[in-house]
PDB file of N, CA and C in Angstrom:
ATOM      1  N   MET A   1       0.878  -1.319  -0.017  1.00  0.00           N
ATOM      2  CA  MET A   1       0.033   0.002  -0.023  1.00  0.00           C
ATOM      3  C   MET A   1       0.592   1.205  -0.057  1.00  0.00           C
ATOM      4  N   SER A   2       0.453   2.225  -0.841  1.00  0.00           N
ATOM      5  CA  SER A   2       1.196   3.463  -0.656  1.00  0.00           C
ATOM      6  C   SER A   2       0.775   4.330   0.576  1.00  0.00           C
ATOM      7  N   LYS A   3       1.597   5.123   1.220  1.00  0.00           N
ATOM      8  CA  LYS A   3       1.339   5.827   2.099  1.00  0.00           C
ATOM      9  C   LYS A   3       0.796   7.338   1.679  1.00  0.00           C
ATOM     10  N   GLU A   4      -0.193   7.752   2.126  1.00  0.00           N
ATOM     11  CA  GLU A   4      -0.601   9.151   1.966  1.00  0.00           C
ATOM     12  C   GLU A   4      -0.488  10.043   2.964  1.00  0.00           C
ATOM     13  N   LYS A   5       0.248  11.282   2.377  1.00  0.00           N
ATOM     14  CA  LYS A   5       0.666  12.365   3.364  1.00  0.00           C
ATOM     15  C   LYS A   5      -0.467  13.366   3.256  1.00  0.00           C
ATOM     16  N   ILE A   6      -0.889  13.687   4.292  1.00  0.00           N
ATOM     17  CA  ILE A   6      -1.953  14.687   4.555  1.00  0.00           C
ATOM     18  C   ILE A   6      -1.314  16.084   5.363  1.00  0.00           C
ATOM     19  N   ARG A   7      -1.389  17.230   4.902  1.00  0.00           N
ATOM     20  CA  ARG A   7      -1.038  18.269   5.792  1.00  0.00           C
ATOM     21  C   ARG A   7      -2.142  19.182   5.912  1.00  0.00           C
ATOM     22  N   ILE A   8      -2.402  19.693   7.250  1.00  0.00           N
ATOM     23  CA  ILE A   8      -3.503  20.530   7.553  1.00  0.00           C
ATOM     24  C   ILE A   8      -2.885  21.643   7.940  1.00  0.00           C
ATOM     25  N   ILE A   9      -3.054  23.036   7.383  1.00  0.00           N
ATOM     26  CA  ILE A   9      -2.605  24.165   7.890  1.00  0.00           C
ATOM     27  C   ILE A   9      -3.942  24.914   8.473  1.00  0.00           C
ATOM     28  N   LEU A  10      -3.798  25.298   9.776  1.00  0.00           N
ATOM     29  CA  LEU A  10      -4.669  26.252  10.470  1.00  0.00           C
ATOM     30  C   LEU A  10      -4.425  27.423  10.807  1.00  0.00           C
ATOM     31  N   GLN A  11      -5.233  28.582  10.558  1.00  0.00           N
ATOM     32  CA  GLN A  11      -4.667  30.009  10.801  1.00  0.00           C
ATOM     33  C   GLN A  11      -5.951  30.675  11.519  1.00  0.00           C
ATOM     34  N   SER A  12      -5.621  31.487  12.588  1.00  0.00           N
ATOM     35  CA  SER A  12      -6.750  32.251  13.230  1.00  0.00           C
ATOM     36  C   SER A  12      -6.026  33.613  13.826  1.00  0.00           C
ATOM     37  N   PHE A  13      -7.055  34.328  14.132  1.00  0.00           N
ATOM     38  CA  PHE A  13      -6.479  35.411  14.982  1.00  0.00           C
ATOM     39  C   PHE A  13      -6.810  35.364  16.466  1.00  0.00           C
ATOM     40  N   ASN A  14      -7.376  34.284  16.798  1.00  0.00           N
ATOM     41  CA  ASN A  14      -7.606  33.931  18.117  1.00  0.00           C
ATOM     42  C   ASN A  14      -6.858  32.579  18.592  1.00  0.00           C
ATOM     43  N   HIS A  15      -5.970  32.728  19.428  1.00  0.00           N
ATOM     44  CA  HIS A  15      -5.299  31.470  19.824  1.00  0.00           C
ATOM     45  C   HIS A  15      -6.077  30.615  20.577  1.00  0.00           C
ATOM     46  N   LEU A  16      -6.905  30.791  21.312  1.00  0.00           N
ATOM     47  CA  LEU A  16      -7.733  29.907  22.032  1.00  0.00           C
ATOM     48  C   LEU A  16      -8.760  29.150  20.986  1.00  0.00           C
ATOM     49  N   VAL A  17      -9.220  29.732  20.153  1.00  0.00           N
ATOM     50  CA  VAL A  17     -10.026  28.903  19.252  1.00  0.00           C
ATOM     51  C   VAL A  17      -9.237  27.922  18.322  1.00  0.00           C
ATOM     52  N   LEU A  18      -7.891  28.502  18.018  1.00  0.00           N
ATOM     53  CA  LEU A  18      -7.198  27.532  17.076  1.00  0.00           C
ATOM     54  C   LEU A  18      -6.663  26.404  17.963  1.00  0.00           C
ATOM     55  N   ASN A  19      -6.424  26.366  19.275  1.00  0.00           N
ATOM     56  CA  ASN A  19      -6.050  25.324  20.264  1.00  0.00           C
ATOM     57  C   ASN A  19      -7.248  24.345  20.136  1.00  0.00           C
ATOM     58  N   GLU A  20      -8.353  24.762  20.347  1.00  0.00           N
ATOM     59  CA  GLU A  20      -9.658  23.956  20.337  1.00  0.00           C
ATOM     60  C   GLU A  20      -9.691  23.149  19.176  1.00  0.00           C
ATOM     61  N   CYS A  21      -9.498  23.983  18.015  1.00  0.00           N
ATOM     62  CA  CYS A  21      -9.634  23.103  16.504  1.00  0.00           C
ATOM     63  C   CYS A  21      -8.697  22.050  16.610  1.00  0.00           C
ATOM     64  N   CYS A  22      -7.241  22.345  16.995  1.00  0.00           N
ATOM     65  CA  CYS A  22      -6.393  21.237  17.012  1.00  0.00           C
ATOM     66  C   CYS A  22      -6.778  20.190  17.834  1.00  0.00           C
ATOM     67  N   LYS A  23      -7.375  20.401  18.850  1.00  0.00           N
ATOM     68  CA  LYS A  23      -7.839  19.175  19.744  1.00  0.00           C
ATOM     69  C   LYS A  23      -8.850  18.268  19.172  1.00  0.00           C
ATOM     70  N   LYS A  24      -9.871  19.010  18.612  1.00  0.00           N
ATOM     71  CA  LYS A  24     -10.789  18.391  17.694  1.00  0.00           C
ATOM     72  C   LYS A  24     -10.520  17.546  16.629  1.00  0.00           C
ATOM     73  N   ILE A  25      -9.564  18.091  15.981  1.00  0.00           N
ATOM     74  CA  ILE A  25      -8.686  17.171  14.875  1.00  0.00           C
ATOM     75  C   ILE A  25      -7.990  15.778  15.406  1.00  0.00           C
ATOM     76  N   LEU A  26      -7.183  16.318  16.394  1.00  0.00           N
ATOM     77  CA  LEU A  26      -6.585  15.115  16.766  1.00  0.00           C
ATOM     78  C   LEU A  26      -7.385  14.109  17.675  1.00  0.00           C
ATOM     79  N   GLU A  27      -8.788  14.480  18.357  1.00  0.00           N
ATOM     80  CA  GLU A  27      -9.630  13.508  18.792  1.00  0.00           C
ATOM     81  C   GLU A  27     -10.047  12.799  17.555  1.00  0.00           C
ATOM     82  N   ALA A  28     -10.603  13.618  16.502  1.00  0.00           N
ATOM     83  CA  ALA A  28     -11.221  12.800  15.313  1.00  0.00           C
ATOM     84  C   ALA A  28     -10.101  11.661  14.626  1.00  0.00           C
ATOM     85  N   LEU A  29      -9.062  12.039  14.793  1.00  0.00           N
ATOM     86  CA  LEU A  29      -7.816  11.438  14.258  1.00  0.00           C
ATOM     87  C   LEU A  29      -7.596   9.787  15.249  1.00  0.00           C
ATOM     88  N   ALA A  30      -7.780  10.130  16.488  1.00  0.00           N
ATOM     89  CA  ALA A  30      -7.437   9.179  17.263  1.00  0.00           C
ATOM     90  C   ALA A  30      -8.521   7.910  17.148  1.00  0.00           C
ATOM     91  N   ASN A  31      -9.726   8.279  16.688  1.00  0.00           N
ATOM     92  CA  ASN A  31     -10.690   7.042  16.446  1.00  0.00           C
ATOM     93  C   ASN A  31     -10.330   6.247  15.115  1.00  0.00           C
ATOM     94  N   GLU A  32      -9.664   6.756  14.266  1.00  0.00           N
ATOM     95  CA  GLU A  32      -9.213   6.291  12.978  1.00  0.00           C
ATOM     96  C   GLU A  32      -7.937   5.159  13.052  1.00  0.00           C
ATOM     97  N   LYS A  33      -8.176   3.761  12.549  1.00  0.00           N
ATOM     98  CA  LYS A  33      -7.247   2.901  12.575  1.00  0.00           C
ATOM     99  C   LYS A  33      -6.089   2.838  11.538  1.00  0.00           C
ATOM    100  N   SER A  34      -6.382   3.476  10.528  1.00  0.00           N
ATOM    101  CA  SER A  34      -5.543   3.250   9.235  1.00  0.00           C
ATOM    102  C   SER A  34      -4.393   4.492   9.434  1.00  0.00           C
ATOM    103  N   ILE A  35      -4.172   5.145  10.475  1.00  0.00           N
ATOM    104  CA  ILE A  35      -3.220   6.273  10.599  1.00  0.00           C
ATOM    105  C   ILE A  35      -1.903   5.572  11.050  1.00  0.00           C
ATOM    106  N   LEU A  36      -0.938   5.954  10.562  1.00  0.00           N
ATOM    107  CA  LEU A  36       0.460   5.381  10.757  1.00  0.00           C
ATOM    108  C   LEU A  36       1.197   6.327  11.623  1.00  0.00           C
ATOM    109  N   ASN A  37       1.202   7.708  11.399  1.00  0.00           N
ATOM    110  CA  ASN A  37       2.028   8.576  11.905  1.00  0.00           C
ATOM    111  C   ASN A  37       1.241   9.976  12.078  1.00  0.00           C
ATOM    112  N   VAL A  38       1.007  10.826  13.143  1.00  0.00           N
ATOM    113  CA  VAL A  38       0.488  12.110  13.183  1.00  0.00           C
ATOM    114  C   VAL A  38       1.861  13.111  13.925  1.00  0.00           C
ATOM    115  N   ALA A  39       2.117  14.036  13.329  1.00  0.00           N
ATOM    116  CA  ALA A  39       3.012  14.904  13.659  1.00  0.00           C
ATOM    117  C   ALA A  39       2.418  16.609  13.961  1.00  0.00           C
ATOM    118  N   GLY A  40       2.622  16.835  15.119  1.00  0.00           N
ATOM    119  CA  GLY A  40       1.717  18.202  15.386  1.00  0.00           C
ATOM    120  C   GLY A  40       0.817  18.123  16.580  1.00  0.00           C
ATOM    121  N   PRO A  41       0.252  19.169  16.701  1.00  0.00           N
ATOM    122  CA  PRO A  41       0.299  20.453  15.941  1.00  0.00           C
ATOM    123  C   PRO A  41       1.596  21.199  16.188  1.00  0.00           C
ATOM    124  N   ILE A  42       2.137  21.649  15.238  1.00  0.00           N
ATOM    125  CA  ILE A  42       3.284  22.421  15.266  1.00  0.00           C
ATOM    126  C   ILE A  42       3.040  23.904  14.970  1.00  0.00           C
ATOM    127  N   SER A  43       3.551  24.655  15.891  1.00  0.00           N
ATOM    128  CA  SER A  43       3.082  26.007  16.216  1.00  0.00           C
ATOM    129  C   SER A  43       4.129  26.924  15.116  1.00  0.00           C
ATOM    130  N   PHE A  44       3.845  27.815  14.526  1.00  0.00           N
ATOM    131  CA  PHE A  44       4.429  28.766  13.718  1.00  0.00           C
ATOM    132  C   PHE A  44       4.727  29.835  14.627  1.00  0.00           C
ATOM    133  N   PRO A  45       5.886  30.855  14.175  1.00  0.00           N
ATOM    134  CA  PRO A  45       5.742  32.157  14.803  1.00  0.00           C
ATOM    135  C   PRO A  45       4.520  32.897  14.502  1.00  0.00           C
ATOM    136  N   THR A  46       4.127  33.805  15.702  1.00  0.00           N
ATOM    137  CA  THR A  46       3.008  34.653  15.558  1.00  0.00           C
ATOM    138  C   THR A  46       3.575  35.887  14.696  1.00  0.00           C
ATOM    139  N   LYS A  47       2.545  35.985  13.689  1.00  0.00           N
ATOM    140  CA  LYS A  47       2.813  37.306  12.666  1.00  0.00           C
ATOM    141  C   LYS A  47       2.042  38.568  13.429  1.00  0.00           C
ATOM    142  N   LYS A  48       2.659  39.690  13.621  1.00  0.00           N
ATOM    143  CA  LYS A  48       2.184  40.700  14.162  1.00  0.00           C
ATOM    144  C   LYS A  48       2.153  42.005  13.077  1.00  0.00           C
ATOM    145  N   ARG A  49       1.117  42.597  12.938  1.00  0.00           N
ATOM    146  CA  ARG A  49       1.009  43.716  12.001  1.00  0.00           C
ATOM    147  C   ARG A  49       0.318  44.911  13.031  1.00  0.00           C
ATOM    148  N   SER A  50       1.125  45.877  13.020  1.00  0.00           N
ATOM    149  CA  SER A  50       0.866  47.073  13.855  1.00  0.00           C
ATOM    150  C   SER A  50       0.347  48.394  12.901  1.00  0.00           C
ATOM    151  N   TYR A  51      -0.506  48.854  13.105  1.00  0.00           N
ATOM    152  CA  TYR A  51      -1.115  50.031  12.503  1.00  0.00           C
ATOM    153  C   TYR A  51      -1.160  51.356  13.381  1.00  0.00           C
ATOM    154  N   CYS A  52      -0.737  52.349  12.828  1.00  0.00           N
ATOM    155  CA  CYS A  52      -0.560  53.736  13.680  1.00  0.00           C
ATOM    156  C   CYS A  52      -1.679  54.657  13.055  1.00  0.00           C
ATOM    157  N   VAL A  53      -2.629  55.150  13.732  1.00  0.00           N
ATOM    158  CA  VAL A  53      -3.598  56.012  13.008  1.00  0.00           C
ATOM    159  C   VAL A  53      -3.784  57.502  14.017  1.00  0.00           C
ATOM    160  N   LEU A  54      -3.957  58.394  13.304  1.00  0.00           N
ATOM    161  CA  LEU A  54      -4.239  59.820  13.683  1.00  0.00           C
ATOM    162  C   LEU A  54      -5.622  59.762  14.460  1.00  0.00           C
ATOM    163  N   ARG A  55      -5.613  60.229  15.536  1.00  0.00           N
ATOM    164  CA  ARG A  55      -6.806  60.522  16.328  1.00  0.00           C
ATOM    165  C   ARG A  55      -7.764  61.513  15.647  1.00  0.00           C
ATOM    166  N   SER A  56      -7.077  62.701  15.565  1.00  0.00           N
ATOM    167  CA  SER A  56      -7.721  63.824  14.933  1.00  0.00           C
ATOM    168  C   SER A  56      -7.638  63.970  13.405  1.00  0.00           C
ATOM    169  N   PRO A  57      -8.786  64.291  12.659  1.00  0.00           N
ATOM    170  CA  PRO A  57      -8.648  64.331  11.211  1.00  0.00           C
ATOM    171  C   PRO A  57      -8.054  65.570  10.895  1.00  0.00           C
ATOM    172  N   HIS A  58      -7.579  66.662  11.631  1.00  0.00           N
ATOM    173  CA  HIS A  58      -6.935  67.906  11.070  1.00  0.00           C
ATOM    174  C   HIS A  58      -5.788  68.212  11.703  1.00  0.00           C
ATOM    175  N   VAL A  59      -5.754  68.227  13.078  1.00  0.00           N
ATOM    176  CA  VAL A  59      -4.540  68.615  13.644  1.00  0.00           C
ATOM    177  C   VAL A  59      -4.069  67.715  14.768  1.00  0.00           C
ATOM    178  N   ASN A  60      -3.066  68.188  15.750  1.00  0.00           N
ATOM    179  CA  ASN A  60      -2.748  67.099  16.652  1.00  0.00           C
ATOM    180  C   ASN A  60      -2.023  65.932  16.255  1.00  0.00           C
ATOM    181  N   LYS A  61      -0.739  66.060  15.543  1.00  0.00           N
ATOM    182  CA  LYS A  61      -0.208  65.036  14.935  1.00  0.00           C
ATOM    183  C   LYS A  61       0.359  64.057  16.115  1.00  0.00           C
ATOM    184  N   ASP A  62       0.421  64.759  17.245  1.00  0.00           N
ATOM    185  CA  ASP A  62       1.322  63.872  18.380  1.00  0.00           C
ATOM    186  C   ASP A  62       0.208  62.916  19.006  1.00  0.00           C
ATOM    187  N   SER A  63      -1.059  63.061  18.568  1.00  0.00           N
ATOM    188  CA  SER A  63      -2.138  62.212  19.272  1.00  0.00           C
ATOM    189  C   SER A  63      -2.351  61.150  18.214  1.00  0.00           C
ATOM    190  N   ARG A  64      -2.078  59.902  18.622  1.00  0.00           N
ATOM    191  CA  ARG A  64      -2.302  58.992  17.569  1.00  0.00           C
ATOM    192  C   ARG A  64      -2.701  57.572  18.307  1.00  0.00           C
ATOM    193  N   GLU A  65      -3.268  56.722  17.604  1.00  0.00           N
ATOM    194  CA  GLU A  65      -3.791  55.334  18.321  1.00  0.00           C
ATOM    195  C   GLU A  65      -2.918  54.241  17.430  1.00  0.00           C
ATOM    196  N   GLN A  66      -2.761  53.229  18.203  1.00  0.00           N
ATOM    197  CA  GLN A  66      -1.830  52.043  17.848  1.00  0.00           C
ATOM    198  C   GLN A  66      -2.556  50.973  17.763  1.00  0.00           C
ATOM    199  N   PHE A  67      -2.774  50.266  16.836  1.00  0.00           N
ATOM    200  CA  PHE A  67      -3.595  48.948  16.609  1.00  0.00           C
ATOM    201  C   PHE A  67      -2.712  47.833  16.181  1.00  0.00           C
ATOM    202  N   GLU A  68      -2.863  46.518  16.692  1.00  0.00           N
ATOM    203  CA  GLU A  68      -2.146  45.376  16.516  1.00  0.00           C
ATOM    204  C   GLU A  68      -3.116  44.211  16.150  1.00  0.00           C
ATOM    205  N   ILE A  69      -2.819  43.400  14.931  1.00  0.00           N
ATOM    206  CA  ILE A  69      -3.370  42.333  14.629  1.00  0.00           C
ATOM    207  C   ILE A  69      -2.494  41.272  14.746  1.00  0.00           C
ATOM    208  N   ARG A  70      -2.838  40.178  15.426  1.00  0.00           N
ATOM    209  CA  ARG A  70      -1.770  39.168  15.559  1.00  0.00           C
ATOM    210  C   ARG A  70      -2.349  37.750  14.785  1.00  0.00           C
ATOM    211  N   ARG A  71      -1.515  37.182  14.015  1.00  0.00           N
ATOM    212  CA  ARG A  71      -2.163  35.860  13.391  1.00  0.00           C
ATOM    213  C   ARG A  71      -1.332  34.721  13.695  1.00  0.00           C
ATOM    214  N   TYR A  72      -2.020  33.575  14.154  1.00  0.00           N
ATOM    215  CA  TYR A  72      -1.482  32.418  14.631  1.00  0.00           C
ATOM    216  C   TYR A  72      -1.638  31.474  13.740  1.00  0.00           C
ATOM    217  N   LYS A  73      -0.689  30.366  13.503  1.00  0.00           N
ATOM    218  CA  LYS A  73      -0.733  29.312  12.428  1.00  0.00           C
ATOM    219  C   LYS A  73      -0.120  28.028  13.220  1.00  0.00           C
ATOM    220  N   LYS A  74      -0.844  26.999  12.714  1.00  0.00           N
ATOM    221  CA  LYS A  74      -0.405  25.580  13.356  1.00  0.00           C
ATOM    222  C   LYS A  74      -0.537  24.696  12.052  1.00  0.00           C
ATOM    223  N   ILE A  75       0.263  23.780  11.999  1.00  0.00           N
ATOM    224  CA  ILE A  75       0.378  22.638  11.127  1.00  0.00           C
ATOM    225  C   ILE A  75       0.237  21.348  11.650  1.00  0.00           C
ATOM    226  N   ILE A  76      -0.539  20.413  11.041  1.00  0.00           N
ATOM    227  CA  ILE A  76      -0.612  19.048  11.293  1.00  0.00           C
ATOM    228  C   ILE A  76      -0.328  18.200  10.282  1.00  0.00           C
ATOM    229  N   ASP A  77       0.610  17.366  10.312  1.00  0.00           N
ATOM    230  CA  ASP A  77       1.029  16.392   9.498  1.00  0.00           C
ATOM    231  C   ASP A  77       0.457  14.865   9.776  1.00  0.00           C
ATOM    232  N   ILE A  78       0.123  14.150   8.817  1.00  0.00           N
ATOM    233  CA  ILE A  78      -0.628  12.908   8.968  1.00  0.00           C
ATOM    234  C   ILE A  78      -0.060  12.026   7.679  1.00  0.00           C
ATOM    235  N   GLN A  79       0.295  10.647   8.094  1.00  0.00           N
ATOM    236  CA  GLN A  79       0.559   9.707   7.104  1.00  0.00           C
ATOM    237  C   GLN A  79      -0.299   8.608   7.417  1.00  0.00           C
ATOM    238  N   SER A  80      -0.952   8.186   6.380  1.00  0.00           N
ATOM    239  CA  SER A  80      -2.100   7.167   6.454  1.00  0.00           C
ATOM    240  C   SER A  80      -1.810   6.127   5.123  1.00  0.00           C
ATOM    241  N   ASP A  81      -2.673   5.035   5.530  1.00  0.00           N
ATOM    242  CA  ASP A  81      -2.716   4.135   4.422  1.00  0.00           C
ATOM    243  C   ASP A  81      -4.054   4.226   3.606  1.00  0.00           C
ATOM    244  N   SER A  82      -5.095   5.127   4.155  1.00  0.00           N
ATOM    245  CA  SER A  82      -6.278   5.167   3.335  1.00  0.00           C
ATOM    246  C   SER A  82      -6.663   6.255   2.990  1.00  0.00           C
ATOM    247  N   LYS A  83      -7.538   6.719   2.032  1.00  0.00           N
ATOM    248  CA  LYS A  83      -7.897   7.908   1.621  1.00  0.00           C
ATOM    249  C   LYS A  83      -9.223   8.362   2.537  1.00  0.00           C
ATOM    250  N   GLU A  84      -9.694   7.596   3.260  1.00  0.00           N
ATOM    251  CA  GLU A  84     -10.894   7.814   4.078  1.00  0.00           C
ATOM    252  C   GLU A  84     -10.683   8.800   5.254  1.00  0.00           C
ATOM    253  N   ILE A  85      -9.472   9.097   5.349  1.00  0.00           N
ATOM    254  CA  ILE A  85      -9.292  10.044   6.435  1.00  0.00           C
ATOM    255  C   ILE A  85      -9.496  11.477   5.960  1.00  0.00           C
ATOM    256  N   VAL A  86      -9.223  11.726   4.700  1.00  0.00           N
ATOM    257  CA  VAL A  86      -9.521  12.987   4.279  1.00  0.00           C
ATOM    258  C   VAL A  86     -11.138  13.325   4.199  1.00  0.00           C
ATOM    259  N   ASN A  87     -11.895  12.302   4.028  1.00  0.00           N
ATOM    260  CA  ASN A  87     -13.302  12.493   4.305  1.00  0.00           C
ATOM    261  C   ASN A  87     -13.808  12.682   5.478  1.00  0.00           C
ATOM    262  N   THR A  88     -13.038  12.208   6.601  1.00  0.00           N
ATOM    263  CA  THR A  88     -13.308  12.260   8.188  1.00  0.00           C
ATOM    264  C   THR A  88     -12.957  13.724   8.460  1.00  0.00           C
ATOM    265  N   LEU A  89     -11.750  14.426   7.732  1.00  0.00           N
ATOM    266  CA  LEU A  89     -11.524  15.650   8.151  1.00  0.00           C
ATOM    267  C   LEU A  89     -12.291  16.610   7.565  1.00  0.00           C
ATOM    268  N   LEU A  90     -12.921  16.375   6.381  1.00  0.00           N
ATOM    269  CA  LEU A  90     -13.885  17.145   5.548  1.00  0.00           C
ATOM    270  C   LEU A  90     -15.224  17.367   6.300  1.00  0.00           C
ATOM    271  N   VAL A  91     -15.728  16.216   6.775  1.00  0.00           N
ATOM    272  CA  VAL A  91     -16.959  16.263   7.686  1.00  0.00           C
ATOM    273  C   VAL A  91     -16.888  17.003   8.965  1.00  0.00           C
ATOM    274  N   LEU A  92     -15.582  17.049   9.492  1.00  0.00           N
ATOM    275  CA  LEU A  92     -15.411  17.382  10.902  1.00  0.00           C
ATOM    276  C   LEU A  92     -15.956  18.995  10.896  1.00  0.00           C
ATOM    277  N   ASP A  93     -16.516  19.299  11.999  1.00  0.00           N
ATOM    278  CA  ASP A  93     -17.328  20.606  12.247  1.00  0.00           C
ATOM    279  C   ASP A  93     -16.210  21.422  12.991  1.00  0.00           C
ATOM    280  N   LEU A  94     -15.571  22.486  12.402  1.00  0.00           N
ATOM    281  CA  LEU A  94     -14.750  23.311  13.030  1.00  0.00           C
ATOM    282  C   LEU A  94     -15.253  24.687  13.518  1.00  0.00           C
ATOM    283  N   SER A  95     -14.576  25.552  14.287  1.00  0.00           N
ATOM    284  CA  SER A  95     -15.150  26.898  14.592  1.00  0.00           C
ATOM    285  C   SER A  95     -14.845  27.594  13.353  1.00  0.00           C
ATOM    286  N   PRO A  96     -15.889  28.694  13.323  1.00  0.00           N
ATOM    287  CA  PRO A  96     -16.002  29.478  12.151  1.00  0.00           C
ATOM    288  C   PRO A  96     -14.846  30.550  12.148  1.00  0.00           C
ATOM    289  N   GLY A  97     -14.088  30.721  13.185  1.00  0.00           N
ATOM    290  CA  GLY A  97     -12.944  31.740  13.344  1.00  0.00           C
ATOM    291  C   GLY A  97     -11.617  31.105  12.921  1.00  0.00           C
ATOM    292  N   VAL A  98     -11.616  29.965  12.228  1.00  0.00           N
ATOM    293  CA  VAL A  98     -10.251  29.143  11.844  1.00  0.00           C
ATOM    294  C   VAL A  98     -10.285  28.890  10.435  1.00  0.00           C
ATOM    295  N   SER A  99      -9.256  29.408   9.744  1.00  0.00           N
ATOM    296  CA  SER A  99      -9.129  29.093   8.438  1.00  0.00           C
ATOM    297  C   SER A  99      -8.219  27.732   8.096  1.00  0.00           C
ATOM    298  N   THR A 100      -8.835  26.696   7.581  1.00  0.00           N
ATOM    299  CA  THR A 100      -8.221  25.548   7.427  1.00  0.00           C
ATOM    300  C   THR A 100      -7.815  25.322   5.890  1.00  0.00           C
ATOM    301  N   GLU A 101      -6.759  24.808   5.690  1.00  0.00           N
ATOM    302  CA  GLU A 101      -6.173  24.464   4.228  1.00  0.00           C
ATOM    303  C   GLU A 101      -5.998  22.826   4.484  1.00  0.00           C
ATOM    304  N   LEU A 102      -6.482  22.122   3.494  1.00  0.00           N
ATOM    305  CA  LEU A 102      -6.101  20.586   3.483  1.00  0.00           C
ATOM    306  C   LEU A 102      -5.168  20.239   2.404  1.00  0.00           C
ATOM    307  N   TYR A 103      -3.994  19.619   2.324  1.00  0.00           N
ATOM    308  CA  TYR A 103      -3.328  19.324   1.173  1.00  0.00           C
ATOM    309  C   TYR A 103      -2.942  17.611   1.378  1.00  0.00           C
ATOM    310  N   SER A 104      -3.191  16.929   0.375  1.00  0.00           N
ATOM    311  CA  SER A 104      -2.933  15.525   0.228  1.00  0.00           C
ATOM    312  C   SER A 104      -2.098  15.168  -0.880  1.00  0.00           C
ATOM    313  N   TYR A 105      -1.042  14.425  -0.748  1.00  0.00           N
ATOM    314  CA  TYR A 105      -0.189  14.093  -1.495  1.00  0.00           C
ATOM    315  C   TYR A 105       0.731  12.624  -1.326  1.00  0.00           C
ATOM    316  N   LYS A 106       1.181  12.091  -2.148  1.00  0.00           N
ATOM    317  CA  LYS A 106       1.728  10.776  -1.976  1.00  0.00           C
ATOM    318  C   LYS A 106       3.233  10.914  -1.921  1.00  0.00           C
TER     319      LYS A 106
END
């Protein structure tokens, strides 16, 4: 049998929701019997984006507000013997605040 490799990339602005999704995926994979190896969740560095905005539309350049957006990213790698795992992952109900990408290759 050929081993199929599956990579799941998860991204979110909220790290708590991201951790919950990782737990849901790992619990769903624990019930499968055809999984050979699971690596992850592997955390990537947090990407921070800062914005500086003037508070006043006309004067007072010294008065500014600063905003920051943080993006969290995790990866889970799976090696399996069957293609049914992709269907299991697609049926899984994840939180709406998490962006998921699923790659499958041999």
